[in-house]
Amino acid sequence: MNILDENILENQRQLLKSQRLRVYQIGYEVSRKGIQDEEIIPFLLTLRGPTLFTRDTDFYDRQLCHSRYCLVHLSVSRYEVATFIRRFSPHPEFDT
């Protein structure tokens, strides 16, 4: 399950969906708007095999590593998110 952080732009979400990539965004399809960062990890643990894509540097922390979810910190422009998610998703080492 590919989950976009709430701070990912709407047009990037729509672009991914138009490319037939199944994504769910926090505050739209999953969870609620305004969820705090510290609530996201417990939320991910309730899901089966989630991958969170975010630009939030708070998630760039080795201590957050866990076998039940994947965190992908995108250090790219907010307008390049869809491009990099699309490039990341079929990567052979990401095949979970």
Protein backbone atom coordinates (compact mmCIF):
# COMPACT_ATOMS: atom_id res chain seq x y z
CA MET A 1 0.00 0.00 0.00
CA ASN A 2 1.58 3.26 -1.18
CA ILE A 3 0.73 6.15 1.12
CA LEU A 4 1.51 9.78 0.40
CA ASP A 5 2.12 12.15 3.27
CA GLU A 6 -0.43 14.91 3.61
CA ASN A 7 2.11 17.52 2.45
CA ILE A 8 2.42 15.98 -1.05
CA LEU A 9 0.76 18.29 -3.57
CA GLU A 10 -2.64 17.36 -5.00
CA ASN A 11 -1.38 17.58 -8.59
CA GLN A 12 1.38 15.08 -7.79
CA ARG A 13 -1.18 12.65 -6.36
CA GLN A 14 -3.39 13.05 -9.42
CA LEU A 15 -0.41 12.51 -11.72
CA LEU A 16 0.44 9.23 -9.99
CA LYS A 17 -3.17 8.09 -10.20
CA SER A 18 -3.32 9.00 -13.90
CA GLN A 19 -0.28 6.75 -14.39
CA ARG A 20 -2.25 3.93 -12.76
CA LEU A 21 -0.14 3.82 -9.63
CA ARG A 22 -2.32 2.97 -6.67
CA VAL A 23 -1.67 5.61 -3.99
CA TYR A 24 -3.60 6.75 -0.95
CA GLN A 25 -3.00 10.12 0.63
CA ILE A 26 -3.21 10.88 4.32
CA GLY A 27 -6.16 13.18 4.90
CA TYR A 28 -7.94 12.09 1.72
CA GLU A 29 -8.23 8.33 1.29
CA VAL A 30 -6.64 7.22 4.59
CA SER A 31 -6.48 8.57 8.12
CA ARG A 32 -7.52 12.19 8.73
CA LYS A 33 -6.40 15.67 7.81
CA GLY A 34 -4.03 17.26 10.29
CA ILE A 35 -2.66 14.01 11.70
CA GLN A 36 0.49 14.78 13.66
CA ASP A 37 3.85 13.26 12.69
CA GLU A 38 4.05 11.26 15.90
CA GLU A 39 0.67 9.64 15.09
CA ILE A 40 1.72 8.46 11.63
CA ILE A 41 4.04 5.64 12.73
CA PRO A 42 1.38 3.97 14.95
CA PHE A 43 -1.08 4.40 12.06
CA LEU A 44 1.34 2.68 9.64
CA LEU A 45 1.63 -0.25 12.05
CA THR A 46 -2.11 -0.88 11.70
CA LEU A 47 -1.75 -1.40 7.94
CA ARG A 48 -0.43 -4.36 5.97
CA GLY A 49 2.91 -3.59 4.30
CA PRO A 50 2.57 0.18 3.92
CA THR A 51 5.11 2.44 2.24
CA LEU A 52 4.99 6.10 3.25
CA PHE A 53 6.36 8.61 0.76
CA THR A 54 7.17 11.94 2.38
CA ARG A 55 9.25 15.08 1.97
CA ASP A 56 9.14 15.72 5.73
CA THR A 57 12.69 15.62 7.11
CA ASP A 58 11.35 14.50 10.51
CA PHE A 59 10.99 11.03 8.99
CA TYR A 60 14.62 10.95 7.88
CA ASP A 61 15.65 9.15 11.05
CA ARG A 62 17.26 5.72 11.25
CA GLN A 63 15.48 5.06 14.58
CA LEU A 64 12.17 4.93 12.71
CA CYS A 65 13.23 1.84 10.73
CA HIS A 66 10.84 -1.08 11.21
CA SER A 67 10.16 -4.36 9.42
CA ARG A 68 6.39 -3.72 9.17
CA TYR A 69 6.51 -0.56 7.06
CA CYS A 70 8.73 1.33 4.66
CA LEU A 71 9.57 5.03 4.90
CA VAL A 72 10.74 6.79 1.77
CA HIS A 73 12.08 10.29 2.36
CA LEU A 74 12.07 12.22 -0.91
CA SER A 75 14.64 14.99 -0.94
CA VAL A 76 13.30 16.48 -4.16
CA SER A 77 11.28 19.49 -5.26
CA ARG A 78 7.58 19.29 -4.39
CA TYR A 79 6.90 19.29 -8.14
CA GLU A 80 9.12 16.25 -8.75
CA VAL A 81 7.56 13.90 -6.21
CA ALA A 82 5.47 11.92 -8.71
CA THR A 83 8.44 11.41 -11.01
CA PHE A 84 10.62 9.99 -8.26
CA ILE A 85 7.88 7.81 -6.77
CA ARG A 86 7.24 6.41 -10.24
CA ARG A 87 10.98 5.69 -10.67
CA PHE A 88 11.30 4.17 -7.19
CA SER A 89 8.27 1.84 -7.26
CA PRO A 90 9.43 -0.73 -9.84
CA HIS A 91 12.99 -0.89 -8.48
CA PRO A 92 13.96 -4.58 -8.05
CA GLU A 93 15.34 -4.11 -4.54
CA PHE A 94 12.04 -2.57 -3.45
CA ASP A 95 10.06 -5.67 -4.42
CA THR A 96 8.47 -6.48 -1.06
